[in-house]
Amino acid sequence: MATAKKVSTKTAAAPAAAPAPAAKRTPNAAFMKAMTPSAALAAIVGAAALPRTEVTKKVWEYIKKHDLQDSANRRNINADDKLKAIFKKPQVSMFEMTKLINEHLS
């Protein structure tokens, strides 16, 4: 005669709870504050006050329009005359670029 095995409640897996829906992310107010570009930066993005995010977008538009990304390493930007005034060197990485741009915003 076969005996029935007892099922332990400790080993039974509980059903996984459904994750809560993610809350919509709000942008940081510091990034959305309008900032005035320096004269060198205004030659690229315009003289109007813009948030940092918009300034970065406009600089990237300028870089792509003038094909200034390095062909061998796309993370590097080759500066033309207008960008040399901002970067102070002939080539910068895309990660260094935002730091150098922020120095030209007030």
PDB file of N, CA and C in Angstrom:
ATOM      1  N   MET A   1       0.799  -1.172   0.000  1.00  0.00           N
ATOM      2  CA  MET A   1       0.000   0.000   0.000  1.00  0.00           C
ATOM      3  C   MET A   1       0.855   1.254   0.000  1.00  0.00           C
ATOM      4  N   ALA A   2       0.556   2.144  -0.922  1.00  0.00           N
ATOM      5  CA  ALA A   2       1.336   3.383  -1.030  1.00  0.00           C
ATOM      6  C   ALA A   2       0.781   4.431  -0.098  1.00  0.00           C
ATOM      7  N   THR A   3       1.669   5.100   0.527  1.00  0.00           N
ATOM      8  CA  THR A   3       1.239   6.170   1.430  1.00  0.00           C
ATOM      9  C   THR A   3       1.381   7.509   0.714  1.00  0.00           C
ATOM     10  N   ALA A   4       0.474   8.381   0.962  1.00  0.00           N
ATOM     11  CA  ALA A   4       0.513   9.710   0.337  1.00  0.00           C
ATOM     12  C   ALA A   4       1.574  10.563   1.025  1.00  0.00           C
ATOM     13  N   LYS A   5       2.332  11.266   0.185  1.00  0.00           N
ATOM     14  CA  LYS A   5       3.358  12.147   0.751  1.00  0.00           C
ATOM     15  C   LYS A   5       2.730  13.447   1.193  1.00  0.00           C
ATOM     16  N   LYS A   6       3.238  13.959   2.310  1.00  0.00           N
ATOM     17  CA  LYS A   6       2.766  15.245   2.796  1.00  0.00           C
ATOM     18  C   LYS A   6       3.486  16.350   2.039  1.00  0.00           C
ATOM     19  N   VAL A   7       2.765  17.354   1.626  1.00  0.00           N
ATOM     20  CA  VAL A   7       3.376  18.505   0.959  1.00  0.00           C
ATOM     21  C   VAL A   7       3.657  19.556   2.016  1.00  0.00           C
ATOM     22  N   SER A   8       4.901  19.927   2.105  1.00  0.00           N
ATOM     23  CA  SER A   8       5.295  20.919   3.093  1.00  0.00           C
ATOM     24  C   SER A   8       4.927  22.315   2.588  1.00  0.00           C
ATOM     25  N   THR A   9       4.379  23.126   3.462  1.00  0.00           N
ATOM     26  CA  THR A   9       4.024  24.489   3.068  1.00  0.00           C
ATOM     27  C   THR A   9       5.258  25.369   2.936  1.00  0.00           C
ATOM     28  N   LYS A  10       6.354  24.959   3.544  1.00  0.00           N
ATOM     29  CA  LYS A  10       7.592  25.748   3.470  1.00  0.00           C
ATOM     30  C   LYS A  10       8.238  25.644   2.090  1.00  0.00           C
ATOM     31  N   THR A  11       8.098  24.535   1.420  1.00  0.00           N
ATOM     32  CA  THR A  11       8.756  24.358   0.133  1.00  0.00           C
ATOM     33  C   THR A  11       7.905  24.839  -1.029  1.00  0.00           C
ATOM     34  N   ALA A  12       6.611  25.022  -0.801  1.00  0.00           N
ATOM     35  CA  ALA A  12       5.751  25.482  -1.890  1.00  0.00           C
ATOM     36  C   ALA A  12       6.059  26.946  -2.189  1.00  0.00           C
ATOM     37  N   ALA A  13       6.263  27.252  -3.466  1.00  0.00           N
ATOM     38  CA  ALA A  13       6.605  28.620  -3.865  1.00  0.00           C
ATOM     39  C   ALA A  13       5.347  29.473  -3.904  1.00  0.00           C
ATOM     40  N   ALA A  14       5.461  30.651  -3.344  1.00  0.00           N
ATOM     41  CA  ALA A  14       4.343  31.594  -3.368  1.00  0.00           C
ATOM     42  C   ALA A  14       4.316  32.279  -4.728  1.00  0.00           C
ATOM     43  N   PRO A  15       3.150  32.590  -5.241  1.00  0.00           N
ATOM     44  CA  PRO A  15       3.101  33.281  -6.534  1.00  0.00           C
ATOM     45  C   PRO A  15       3.751  34.659  -6.442  1.00  0.00           C
ATOM     46  N   ALA A  16       4.465  35.036  -7.494  1.00  0.00           N
ATOM     47  CA  ALA A  16       5.172  36.314  -7.497  1.00  0.00           C
ATOM     48  C   ALA A  16       4.177  37.462  -7.601  1.00  0.00           C
ATOM     49  N   ALA A  17       4.422  38.499  -6.819  1.00  0.00           N
ATOM     50  CA  ALA A  17       3.547  39.663  -6.854  1.00  0.00           C
ATOM     51  C   ALA A  17       3.857  40.477  -8.103  1.00  0.00           C
ATOM     52  N   ALA A  18       2.850  41.046  -8.713  1.00  0.00           N
ATOM     53  CA  ALA A  18       3.041  41.865  -9.916  1.00  0.00           C
ATOM     54  C   ALA A  18       3.723  43.168  -9.524  1.00  0.00           C
ATOM     55  N   PRO A  19       4.724  43.600 -10.301  1.00  0.00           N
ATOM     56  CA  PRO A  19       5.412  44.841  -9.956  1.00  0.00           C
ATOM     57  C   PRO A  19       4.484  46.041 -10.157  1.00  0.00           C
ATOM     58  N   ALA A  20       4.658  47.027  -9.318  1.00  0.00           N
ATOM     59  CA  ALA A  20       3.846  48.239  -9.412  1.00  0.00           C
ATOM     60  C   ALA A  20       4.247  49.013 -10.667  1.00  0.00           C
ATOM     61  N   PRO A  21       3.324  49.684 -11.332  1.00  0.00           N
ATOM     62  CA  PRO A  21       3.693  50.452 -12.523  1.00  0.00           C
ATOM     63  C   PRO A  21       4.644  51.581 -12.151  1.00  0.00           C
ATOM     64  N   ALA A  22       5.636  51.816 -13.017  1.00  0.00           N
ATOM     65  CA  ALA A  22       6.648  52.829 -12.741  1.00  0.00           C
ATOM     66  C   ALA A  22       6.022  54.214 -12.825  1.00  0.00           C
ATOM     67  N   ALA A  23       6.396  55.066 -11.891  1.00  0.00           N
ATOM     68  CA  ALA A  23       5.897  56.442 -11.897  1.00  0.00           C
ATOM     69  C   ALA A  23       6.595  57.219 -13.011  1.00  0.00           C
ATOM     70  N   LYS A  24       5.893  58.151 -13.612  1.00  0.00           N
ATOM     71  CA  LYS A  24       6.477  58.936 -14.688  1.00  0.00           C
ATOM     72  C   LYS A  24       7.583  59.810 -14.115  1.00  0.00           C
ATOM     73  N   ARG A  25       8.711  59.814 -14.778  1.00  0.00           N
ATOM     74  CA  ARG A  25       9.881  60.540 -14.307  1.00  0.00           C
ATOM     75  C   ARG A  25       9.761  62.009 -14.660  1.00  0.00           C
ATOM     76  N   THR A  26      10.036  62.878 -13.711  1.00  0.00           N
ATOM     77  CA  THR A  26      10.001  64.315 -13.980  1.00  0.00           C
ATOM     78  C   THR A  26      11.423  64.815 -14.147  1.00  0.00           C
ATOM     79  N   PRO A  27      11.658  65.732 -15.080  1.00  0.00           N
ATOM     80  CA  PRO A  27      13.015  66.232 -15.291  1.00  0.00           C
ATOM     81  C   PRO A  27      13.490  67.082 -14.119  1.00  0.00           C
ATOM     82  N   ASN A  28      14.780  67.060 -13.910  1.00  0.00           N
ATOM     83  CA  ASN A  28      15.391  67.845 -12.849  1.00  0.00           C
ATOM     84  C   ASN A  28      15.286  69.323 -13.222  1.00  0.00           C
ATOM     85  N   ALA A  29      14.836  70.144 -12.299  1.00  0.00           N
ATOM     86  CA  ALA A  29      14.637  71.572 -12.576  1.00  0.00           C
ATOM     87  C   ALA A  29      15.946  72.273 -12.915  1.00  0.00           C
ATOM     88  N   ALA A  30      17.071  71.800 -12.393  1.00  0.00           N
ATOM     89  CA  ALA A  30      18.359  72.433 -12.675  1.00  0.00           C
ATOM     90  C   ALA A  30      18.719  72.312 -14.151  1.00  0.00           C
ATOM     91  N   PHE A  31      18.340  71.203 -14.793  1.00  0.00           N
ATOM     92  CA  PHE A  31      18.634  71.033 -16.216  1.00  0.00           C
ATOM     93  C   PHE A  31      17.704  71.867 -17.087  1.00  0.00           C
ATOM     94  N   MET A  32      16.524  72.194 -16.584  1.00  0.00           N
ATOM     95  CA  MET A  32      15.538  72.914 -17.378  1.00  0.00           C
ATOM     96  C   MET A  32      15.629  74.429 -17.220  1.00  0.00           C
ATOM     97  N   LYS A  33      16.489  74.903 -16.321  1.00  0.00           N
ATOM     98  CA  LYS A  33      16.649  76.346 -16.108  1.00  0.00           C
ATOM     99  C   LYS A  33      17.341  76.956 -17.323  1.00  0.00           C
ATOM    100  N   ALA A  34      16.780  78.045 -17.842  1.00  0.00           N
ATOM    101  CA  ALA A  34      17.368  78.704 -19.010  1.00  0.00           C
ATOM    102  C   ALA A  34      18.676  79.375 -18.613  1.00  0.00           C
ATOM    103  N   MET A  35      19.716  79.137 -19.411  1.00  0.00           N
ATOM    104  CA  MET A  35      21.039  79.685 -19.131  1.00  0.00           C
ATOM    105  C   MET A  35      21.507  80.470 -20.349  1.00  0.00           C
ATOM    106  N   THR A  36      22.284  81.518 -20.101  1.00  0.00           N
ATOM    107  CA  THR A  36      22.777  82.370 -21.175  1.00  0.00           C
ATOM    108  C   THR A  36      24.129  81.862 -21.652  1.00  0.00           C
ATOM    109  N   PRO A  37      24.286  81.602 -22.952  1.00  0.00           N
ATOM    110  CA  PRO A  37      25.580  81.126 -23.464  1.00  0.00           C
ATOM    111  C   PRO A  37      26.594  82.258 -23.595  1.00  0.00           C
ATOM    112  N   SER A  38      27.875  81.912 -23.512  1.00  0.00           N
ATOM    113  CA  SER A  38      28.941  82.891 -23.732  1.00  0.00           C
ATOM    114  C   SER A  38      28.949  83.274 -25.205  1.00  0.00           C
ATOM    115  N   ALA A  39      29.759  84.268 -25.563  1.00  0.00           N
ATOM    116  CA  ALA A  39      29.822  84.732 -26.958  1.00  0.00           C
ATOM    117  C   ALA A  39      30.306  83.614 -27.878  1.00  0.00           C
ATOM    118  N   ALA A  40      31.287  82.823 -27.428  1.00  0.00           N
ATOM    119  CA  ALA A  40      31.820  81.732 -28.251  1.00  0.00           C
ATOM    120  C   ALA A  40      30.766  80.656 -28.476  1.00  0.00           C
ATOM    121  N   LEU A  41      30.017  80.334 -27.448  1.00  0.00           N
ATOM    122  CA  LEU A  41      28.973  79.312 -27.567  1.00  0.00           C
ATOM    123  C   LEU A  41      27.765  79.851 -28.333  1.00  0.00           C
ATOM    124  N   ALA A  42      27.497  81.145 -28.198  1.00  0.00           N
ATOM    125  CA  ALA A  42      26.372  81.755 -28.904  1.00  0.00           C
ATOM    126  C   ALA A  42      26.563  81.706 -30.417  1.00  0.00           C
ATOM    127  N   ALA A  43      27.799  81.630 -30.885  1.00  0.00           N
ATOM    128  CA  ALA A  43      28.066  81.518 -32.316  1.00  0.00           C
ATOM    129  C   ALA A  43      27.544  80.197 -32.871  1.00  0.00           C
ATOM    130  N   ILE A  44      27.366  79.211 -32.011  1.00  0.00           N
ATOM    131  CA  ILE A  44      26.888  77.891 -32.440  1.00  0.00           C
ATOM    132  C   ILE A  44      25.405  77.708 -32.143  1.00  0.00           C
ATOM    133  N   VAL A  45      24.968  78.060 -30.925  1.00  0.00           N
ATOM    134  CA  VAL A  45      23.597  77.768 -30.501  1.00  0.00           C
ATOM    135  C   VAL A  45      22.670  78.975 -30.543  1.00  0.00           C
ATOM    136  N   GLY A  46      23.193  80.154 -30.760  1.00  0.00           N
ATOM    137  CA  GLY A  46      22.378  81.359 -30.739  1.00  0.00           C
ATOM    138  C   GLY A  46      22.492  82.061 -29.397  1.00  0.00           C
ATOM    139  N   ALA A  47      22.117  83.327 -29.367  1.00  0.00           N
ATOM    140  CA  ALA A  47      22.303  84.147 -28.173  1.00  0.00           C
ATOM    141  C   ALA A  47      21.168  84.010 -27.161  1.00  0.00           C
ATOM    142  N   ALA A  48      20.059  83.399 -27.534  1.00  0.00           N
ATOM    143  CA  ALA A  48      18.924  83.270 -26.622  1.00  0.00           C
ATOM    144  C   ALA A  48      19.246  82.327 -25.464  1.00  0.00           C
ATOM    145  N   ALA A  49      18.658  82.599 -24.317  1.00  0.00           N
ATOM    146  CA  ALA A  49      18.837  81.741 -23.147  1.00  0.00           C
ATOM    147  C   ALA A  49      18.126  80.410 -23.383  1.00  0.00           C
ATOM    148  N   LEU A  50      18.835  79.311 -23.126  1.00  0.00           N
ATOM    149  CA  LEU A  50      18.310  77.961 -23.351  1.00  0.00           C
ATOM    150  C   LEU A  50      18.644  77.072 -22.164  1.00  0.00           C
ATOM    151  N   PRO A  51      17.846  76.015 -21.929  1.00  0.00           N
ATOM    152  CA  PRO A  51      18.230  75.021 -20.922  1.00  0.00           C
ATOM    153  C   PRO A  51      19.466  74.238 -21.393  1.00  0.00           C
ATOM    154  N   ARG A  52      20.179  73.670 -20.457  1.00  0.00           N
ATOM    155  CA  ARG A  52      21.392  72.901 -20.795  1.00  0.00           C
ATOM    156  C   ARG A  52      21.108  71.790 -21.784  1.00  0.00           C
ATOM    157  N   THR A  53      19.976  71.148 -21.627  1.00  0.00           N
ATOM    158  CA  THR A  53      19.645  70.042 -22.525  1.00  0.00           C
ATOM    159  C   THR A  53      19.513  70.511 -23.962  1.00  0.00           C
ATOM    160  N   GLU A  54      18.907  71.669 -24.161  1.00  0.00           N
ATOM    161  CA  GLU A  54      18.747  72.216 -25.513  1.00  0.00           C
ATOM    162  C   GLU A  54      20.083  72.666 -26.085  1.00  0.00           C
ATOM    163  N   VAL A  55      20.947  73.219 -25.240  1.00  0.00           N
ATOM    164  CA  VAL A  55      22.273  73.646 -25.696  1.00  0.00           C
ATOM    165  C   VAL A  55      23.042  72.433 -26.204  1.00  0.00           C
ATOM    166  N   THR A  56      22.999  71.335 -25.449  1.00  0.00           N
ATOM    167  CA  THR A  56      23.698  70.121 -25.861  1.00  0.00           C
ATOM    168  C   THR A  56      23.131  69.584 -27.170  1.00  0.00           C
ATOM    169  N   LYS A  57      21.808  69.609 -27.330  1.00  0.00           N
ATOM    170  CA  LYS A  57      21.190  69.158 -28.579  1.00  0.00           C
ATOM    171  C   LYS A  57      21.648  69.990 -29.755  1.00  0.00           C
ATOM    172  N   LYS A  58      21.708  71.326 -29.571  1.00  0.00           N
ATOM    173  CA  LYS A  58      22.106  72.205 -30.672  1.00  0.00           C
ATOM    174  C   LYS A  58      23.582  72.020 -31.031  1.00  0.00           C
ATOM    175  N   VAL A  59      24.428  71.779 -30.037  1.00  0.00           N
ATOM    176  CA  VAL A  59      25.842  71.523 -30.318  1.00  0.00           C
ATOM    177  C   VAL A  59      25.978  70.223 -31.104  1.00  0.00           C
ATOM    178  N   TRP A  60      25.206  69.187 -30.737  1.00  0.00           N
ATOM    179  CA  TRP A  60      25.249  67.918 -31.477  1.00  0.00           C
ATOM    180  C   TRP A  60      24.742  68.102 -32.903  1.00  0.00           C
ATOM    181  N   GLU A  61      23.716  68.925 -33.102  1.00  0.00           N
ATOM    182  CA  GLU A  61      23.242  69.210 -34.458  1.00  0.00           C
ATOM    183  C   GLU A  61      24.356  69.850 -35.284  1.00  0.00           C
ATOM    184  N   TYR A  62      25.081  70.790 -34.667  1.00  0.00           N
ATOM    185  CA  TYR A  62      26.195  71.460 -35.343  1.00  0.00           C
ATOM    186  C   TYR A  62      27.294  70.452 -35.698  1.00  0.00           C
ATOM    187  N   ILE A  63      27.618  69.566 -34.752  1.00  0.00           N
ATOM    188  CA  ILE A  63      28.668  68.565 -34.973  1.00  0.00           C
ATOM    189  C   ILE A  63      28.284  67.642 -36.124  1.00  0.00           C
ATOM    190  N   LYS A  64      27.047  67.179 -36.133  1.00  0.00           N
ATOM    191  CA  LYS A  64      26.611  66.266 -37.194  1.00  0.00           C
ATOM    192  C   LYS A  64      26.490  66.974 -38.542  1.00  0.00           C
ATOM    193  N   LYS A  65      26.025  68.219 -38.539  1.00  0.00           N
ATOM    194  CA  LYS A  65      25.874  68.974 -39.780  1.00  0.00           C
ATOM    195  C   LYS A  65      27.225  69.198 -40.456  1.00  0.00           C
ATOM    196  N   HIS A  66      28.266  69.463 -39.649  1.00  0.00           N
ATOM    197  CA  HIS A  66      29.598  69.739 -40.179  1.00  0.00           C
ATOM    198  C   HIS A  66      30.506  68.512 -40.175  1.00  0.00           C
ATOM    199  N   ASP A  67      29.951  67.329 -39.871  1.00  0.00           N
ATOM    200  CA  ASP A  67      30.681  66.053 -39.876  1.00  0.00           C
ATOM    201  C   ASP A  67      31.982  66.143 -39.069  1.00  0.00           C
ATOM    202  N   LEU A  68      31.846  66.490 -37.785  1.00  0.00           N
ATOM    203  CA  LEU A  68      33.013  66.707 -36.930  1.00  0.00           C
ATOM    204  C   LEU A  68      33.343  65.517 -36.025  1.00  0.00           C
ATOM    205  N   GLN A  69      32.555  64.445 -36.085  1.00  0.00           N
ATOM    206  CA  GLN A  69      32.920  63.258 -35.315  1.00  0.00           C
ATOM    207  C   GLN A  69      34.097  62.579 -35.993  1.00  0.00           C
ATOM    208  N   ASP A  70      35.035  62.091 -35.180  1.00  0.00           N
ATOM    209  CA  ASP A  70      36.207  61.404 -35.710  1.00  0.00           C
ATOM    210  C   ASP A  70      35.762  60.131 -36.419  1.00  0.00           C
ATOM    211  N   SER A  71      36.292  59.885 -37.612  1.00  0.00           N
ATOM    212  CA  SER A  71      35.851  58.711 -38.381  1.00  0.00           C
ATOM    213  C   SER A  71      36.350  57.403 -37.775  1.00  0.00           C
ATOM    214  N   ALA A  72      37.513  57.410 -37.142  1.00  0.00           N
ATOM    215  CA  ALA A  72      38.056  56.186 -36.549  1.00  0.00           C
ATOM    216  C   ALA A  72      37.400  55.886 -35.196  1.00  0.00           C
ATOM    217  N   ASN A  73      37.226  56.901 -34.362  1.00  0.00           N
ATOM    218  CA  ASN A  73      36.630  56.730 -33.039  1.00  0.00           C
ATOM    219  C   ASN A  73      35.493  57.738 -32.911  1.00  0.00           C
ATOM    220  N   ARG A  74      34.264  57.282 -33.085  1.00  0.00           N
ATOM    221  CA  ARG A  74      33.099  58.175 -33.137  1.00  0.00           C
ATOM    222  C   ARG A  74      32.814  58.864 -31.806  1.00  0.00           C
ATOM    223  N   ARG A  75      33.483  58.445 -30.727  1.00  0.00           N
ATOM    224  CA  ARG A  75      33.302  59.109 -29.432  1.00  0.00           C
ATOM    225  C   ARG A  75      34.055  60.419 -29.349  1.00  0.00           C
ATOM    226  N   ASN A  76      34.960  60.651 -30.281  1.00  0.00           N
ATOM    227  CA  ASN A  76      35.751  61.885 -30.274  1.00  0.00           C
ATOM    228  C   ASN A  76      35.177  62.891 -31.252  1.00  0.00           C
ATOM    229  N   ILE A  77      35.282  64.165 -30.875  1.00  0.00           N
ATOM    230  CA  ILE A  77      34.810  65.253 -31.724  1.00  0.00           C
ATOM    231  C   ILE A  77      36.011  66.080 -32.130  1.00  0.00           C
ATOM    232  N   ASN A  78      36.174  66.262 -33.440  1.00  0.00           N
ATOM    233  CA  ASN A  78      37.237  67.104 -33.960  1.00  0.00           C
ATOM    234  C   ASN A  78      36.710  68.528 -34.022  1.00  0.00           C
ATOM    235  N   ALA A  79      37.384  69.439 -33.351  1.00  0.00           N
ATOM    236  CA  ALA A  79      36.906  70.817 -33.253  1.00  0.00           C
ATOM    237  C   ALA A  79      37.278  71.620 -34.490  1.00  0.00           C
ATOM    238  N   ASP A  80      36.305  72.383 -34.992  1.00  0.00           N
ATOM    239  CA  ASP A  80      36.611  73.362 -36.031  1.00  0.00           C
ATOM    240  C   ASP A  80      36.906  74.683 -35.312  1.00  0.00           C
ATOM    241  N   ASP A  81      37.008  75.790 -36.052  1.00  0.00           N
ATOM    242  CA  ASP A  81      37.385  77.061 -35.432  1.00  0.00           C
ATOM    243  C   ASP A  81      36.407  77.516 -34.343  1.00  0.00           C
ATOM    244  N   LYS A  82      35.098  77.340 -34.593  1.00  0.00           N
ATOM    245  CA  LYS A  82      34.104  77.762 -33.598  1.00  0.00           C
ATOM    246  C   LYS A  82      34.171  76.890 -32.342  1.00  0.00           C
ATOM    247  N   LEU A  83      34.358  75.590 -32.512  1.00  0.00           N
ATOM    248  CA  LEU A  83      34.414  74.699 -31.353  1.00  0.00           C
ATOM    249  C   LEU A  83      35.741  74.808 -30.600  1.00  0.00           C
ATOM    250  N   LYS A  84      36.821  75.165 -31.293  1.00  0.00           N
ATOM    251  CA  LYS A  84      38.110  75.336 -30.600  1.00  0.00           C
ATOM    252  C   LYS A  84      38.023  76.459 -29.579  1.00  0.00           C
ATOM    253  N   ALA A  85      37.199  77.469 -29.863  1.00  0.00           N
ATOM    254  CA  ALA A  85      37.024  78.559 -28.903  1.00  0.00           C
ATOM    255  C   ALA A  85      36.368  78.059 -27.614  1.00  0.00           C
ATOM    256  N   ILE A  86      35.576  77.007 -27.716  1.00  0.00           N
ATOM    257  CA  ILE A  86      34.904  76.445 -26.542  1.00  0.00           C
ATOM    258  C   ILE A  86      35.753  75.360 -25.886  1.00  0.00           C
ATOM    259  N   PHE A  87      36.289  74.449 -26.707  1.00  0.00           N
ATOM    260  CA  PHE A  87      37.013  73.288 -26.182  1.00  0.00           C
ATOM    261  C   PHE A  87      38.455  73.602 -25.795  1.00  0.00           C
ATOM    262  N   LYS A  88      39.054  74.580 -26.417  1.00  0.00           N
ATOM    263  CA  LYS A  88      40.451  74.987 -26.170  1.00  0.00           C
ATOM    264  C   LYS A  88      41.475  73.921 -26.578  1.00  0.00           C
ATOM    265  N   LYS A  89      41.045  72.927 -27.358  1.00  0.00           N
ATOM    266  CA  LYS A  89      41.956  71.925 -27.907  1.00  0.00           C
ATOM    267  C   LYS A  89      41.333  71.338 -29.172  1.00  0.00           C
ATOM    268  N   PRO A  90      42.127  70.682 -30.005  1.00  0.00           N
ATOM    269  CA  PRO A  90      41.614  70.229 -31.309  1.00  0.00           C
ATOM    270  C   PRO A  90      40.654  69.043 -31.263  1.00  0.00           C
ATOM    271  N   GLN A  91      40.695  68.235 -30.210  1.00  0.00           N
ATOM    272  CA  GLN A  91      39.822  67.065 -30.147  1.00  0.00           C
ATOM    273  C   GLN A  91      39.426  66.785 -28.700  1.00  0.00           C
ATOM    274  N   VAL A  92      38.136  66.468 -28.488  1.00  0.00           N
ATOM    275  CA  VAL A  92      37.647  66.113 -27.155  1.00  0.00           C
ATOM    276  C   VAL A  92      36.747  64.888 -27.275  1.00  0.00           C
ATOM    277  N   SER A  93      36.553  64.193 -26.150  1.00  0.00           N
ATOM    278  CA  SER A  93      35.617  63.067 -26.152  1.00  0.00           C
ATOM    279  C   SER A  93      34.216  63.613 -25.908  1.00  0.00           C
ATOM    280  N   MET A  94      33.209  62.853 -26.301  1.00  0.00           N
ATOM    281  CA  MET A  94      31.830  63.316 -26.129  1.00  0.00           C
ATOM    282  C   MET A  94      31.470  63.472 -24.657  1.00  0.00           C
ATOM    283  N   PHE A  95      32.151  62.745 -23.781  1.00  0.00           N
ATOM    284  CA  PHE A  95      31.861  62.827 -22.358  1.00  0.00           C
ATOM    285  C   PHE A  95      32.482  64.087 -21.760  1.00  0.00           C
ATOM    286  N   GLU A  96      33.608  64.484 -22.266  1.00  0.00           N
ATOM    287  CA  GLU A  96      34.292  65.692 -21.815  1.00  0.00           C
ATOM    288  C   GLU A  96      33.595  66.938 -22.371  1.00  0.00           C
ATOM    289  N   MET A  97      32.942  66.783 -23.504  1.00  0.00           N
ATOM    290  CA  MET A  97      32.322  67.906 -24.197  1.00  0.00           C
ATOM    291  C   MET A  97      31.300  68.630 -23.324  1.00  0.00           C
ATOM    292  N   THR A  98      30.422  67.905 -22.645  1.00  0.00           N
ATOM    293  CA  THR A  98      29.379  68.562 -21.854  1.00  0.00           C
ATOM    294  C   THR A  98      29.975  69.367 -20.706  1.00  0.00           C
ATOM    295  N   LYS A  99      31.051  68.884 -20.124  1.00  0.00           N
ATOM    296  CA  LYS A  99      31.720  69.622 -19.054  1.00  0.00           C
ATOM    297  C   LYS A  99      32.270  70.940 -19.601  1.00  0.00           C
ATOM    298  N   LEU A 100      32.873  70.898 -20.767  1.00  0.00           N
ATOM    299  CA  LEU A 100      33.444  72.103 -21.360  1.00  0.00           C
ATOM    300  C   LEU A 100      32.355  73.083 -21.802  1.00  0.00           C
ATOM    301  N   ILE A 101      31.236  72.577 -22.268  1.00  0.00           N
ATOM    302  CA  ILE A 101      30.122  73.444 -22.656  1.00  0.00           C
ATOM    303  C   ILE A 101      29.527  74.134 -21.438  1.00  0.00           C
ATOM    304  N   ASN A 102      29.397  73.416 -20.334  1.00  0.00           N
ATOM    305  CA  ASN A 102      28.813  73.998 -19.114  1.00  0.00           C
ATOM    306  C   ASN A 102      29.634  75.161 -18.576  1.00  0.00           C
ATOM    307  N   GLU A 103      30.926  75.188 -18.865  1.00  0.00           N
ATOM    308  CA  GLU A 103      31.761  76.316 -18.440  1.00  0.00           C
ATOM    309  C   GLU A 103      31.400  77.588 -19.195  1.00  0.00           C
ATOM    310  N   HIS A 104      30.724  77.459 -20.333  1.00  0.00           N
ATOM    311  CA  HIS A 104      30.348  78.612 -21.157  1.00  0.00           C
ATOM    312  C   HIS A 104      28.897  79.028 -20.941  1.00  0.00           C
ATOM    313  N   LEU A 105      28.243  78.488 -19.915  1.00  0.00           N
ATOM    314  CA  LEU A 105      26.866  78.856 -19.600  1.00  0.00           C
ATOM    315  C   LEU A 105      26.806  79.590 -18.271  1.00  0.00           C
ATOM    316  N   SER A 106      25.991  80.622 -18.208  1.00  0.00           N
ATOM    317  CA  SER A 106      25.840  81.345 -16.933  1.00  0.00           C
ATOM    318  C   SER A 106      24.382  81.684 -16.685  1.00  0.00           C
TER     319      SER A 106
END
